[in-house]
Amino acid sequence: MQVNQLSVFIENKSGYLVDVTRALARADNNIRALSIVETIDYSLLRLVYTPGGG
């Protein structure tokens, strides 16, 4: 099973997290783990996922 990691800077605004996770879901990826480091203006989102729903 192939596992990938993705790090994304996102603004601390409503809906941004769901936008990223929906984009991964539409591409048929399965999120295995999620971590968020938060500051006042932005967050660092780290995702571990398997491609193709595997």
C-alpha atoms as a PDB file:
ATOM      1  CA  MET A   1       0.000   0.000   0.000  1.00  0.00           C
ATOM      2  CA  GLN A   2       1.387   3.380  -1.026  1.00  0.00           C
ATOM      3  CA  VAL A   3       1.125   6.123   1.614  1.00  0.00           C
ATOM      4  CA  ASN A   4       1.652   9.824   0.875  1.00  0.00           C
ATOM      5  CA  GLN A   5       2.020  12.898   3.051  1.00  0.00           C
ATOM      6  CA  LEU A   6       0.728  16.330   2.103  1.00  0.00           C
ATOM      7  CA  SER A   7       1.411  19.607   3.943  1.00  0.00           C
ATOM      8  CA  VAL A   8      -0.762  22.627   3.172  1.00  0.00           C
ATOM      9  CA  PHE A   9      -0.840  26.185   4.527  1.00  0.00           C
ATOM     10  CA  ILE A  10      -4.456  27.282   4.902  1.00  0.00           C
ATOM     11  CA  GLU A  11      -6.046  30.447   6.242  1.00  0.00           C
ATOM     12  CA  ASN A  12      -7.839  30.259   9.574  1.00  0.00           C
ATOM     13  CA  LYS A  13     -11.254  30.788   8.037  1.00  0.00           C
ATOM     14  CA  SER A  14     -14.397  28.740   8.048  1.00  0.00           C
ATOM     15  CA  GLY A  15     -14.589  26.142   5.287  1.00  0.00           C
ATOM     16  CA  TYR A  16     -10.928  25.944   4.251  1.00  0.00           C
ATOM     17  CA  LEU A  17     -10.305  22.568   5.892  1.00  0.00           C
ATOM     18  CA  VAL A  18     -13.371  21.041   4.278  1.00  0.00           C
ATOM     19  CA  ASP A  19     -12.259  22.368   0.868  1.00  0.00           C
ATOM     20  CA  VAL A  20      -8.944  20.501   1.129  1.00  0.00           C
ATOM     21  CA  THR A  21     -10.466  17.266   2.408  1.00  0.00           C
ATOM     22  CA  ARG A  22     -13.212  17.305  -0.244  1.00  0.00           C
ATOM     23  CA  ALA A  23     -10.624  17.784  -2.987  1.00  0.00           C
ATOM     24  CA  LEU A  24      -8.763  14.696  -1.765  1.00  0.00           C
ATOM     25  CA  ALA A  25     -12.008  12.728  -1.548  1.00  0.00           C
ATOM     26  CA  ARG A  26     -13.023  13.689  -5.102  1.00  0.00           C
ATOM     27  CA  ALA A  27      -9.666  12.340  -6.294  1.00  0.00           C
ATOM     28  CA  ASP A  28     -10.539   9.023  -4.564  1.00  0.00           C
ATOM     29  CA  ASN A  29      -7.966   9.344  -1.771  1.00  0.00           C
ATOM     30  CA  ASN A  30      -8.427   7.937   1.723  1.00  0.00           C
ATOM     31  CA  ILE A  31      -7.202  10.145   4.596  1.00  0.00           C
ATOM     32  CA  ARG A  32      -5.417   8.027   7.227  1.00  0.00           C
ATOM     33  CA  ALA A  33      -4.200  10.756   9.603  1.00  0.00           C
ATOM     34  CA  LEU A  34      -4.566  14.501  10.009  1.00  0.00           C
ATOM     35  CA  SER A  35      -2.661  17.055  12.082  1.00  0.00           C
ATOM     36  CA  ILE A  36      -3.161  20.817  12.368  1.00  0.00           C
ATOM     37  CA  VAL A  37      -0.751  23.399  13.816  1.00  0.00           C
ATOM     38  CA  GLU A  38      -2.558  26.669  14.306  1.00  0.00           C
ATOM     39  CA  THR A  39      -1.450  30.315  14.494  1.00  0.00           C
ATOM     40  CA  ILE A  40      -3.486  33.526  14.420  1.00  0.00           C
ATOM     41  CA  ASP A  41      -3.487  33.972  10.629  1.00  0.00           C
ATOM     42  CA  TYR A  42      -2.969  30.495   9.175  1.00  0.00           C
ATOM     43  CA  SER A  43      -2.730  26.804   9.943  1.00  0.00           C
ATOM     44  CA  LEU A  44      -0.375  24.108   8.747  1.00  0.00           C
ATOM     45  CA  LEU A  45      -2.408  21.059   7.773  1.00  0.00           C
ATOM     46  CA  ARG A  46      -0.574  17.747   7.446  1.00  0.00           C
ATOM     47  CA  LEU A  47      -2.367  14.786   5.941  1.00  0.00           C
ATOM     48  CA  VAL A  48      -1.316  11.178   5.507  1.00  0.00           C
ATOM     49  CA  TYR A  49      -3.372   9.498   2.811  1.00  0.00           C
ATOM     50  CA  THR A  50      -3.507   6.511   0.497  1.00  0.00           C
ATOM     51  CA  PRO A  51      -4.185   7.208  -3.175  1.00  0.00           C
ATOM     52  CA  GLY A  52      -6.975   5.555  -5.071  1.00  0.00           C
ATOM     53  CA  GLY A  53      -8.995   4.712  -1.957  1.00  0.00           C
ATOM     54  CA  GLY A  54      -6.511   1.963  -1.042  1.00  0.00           C
END
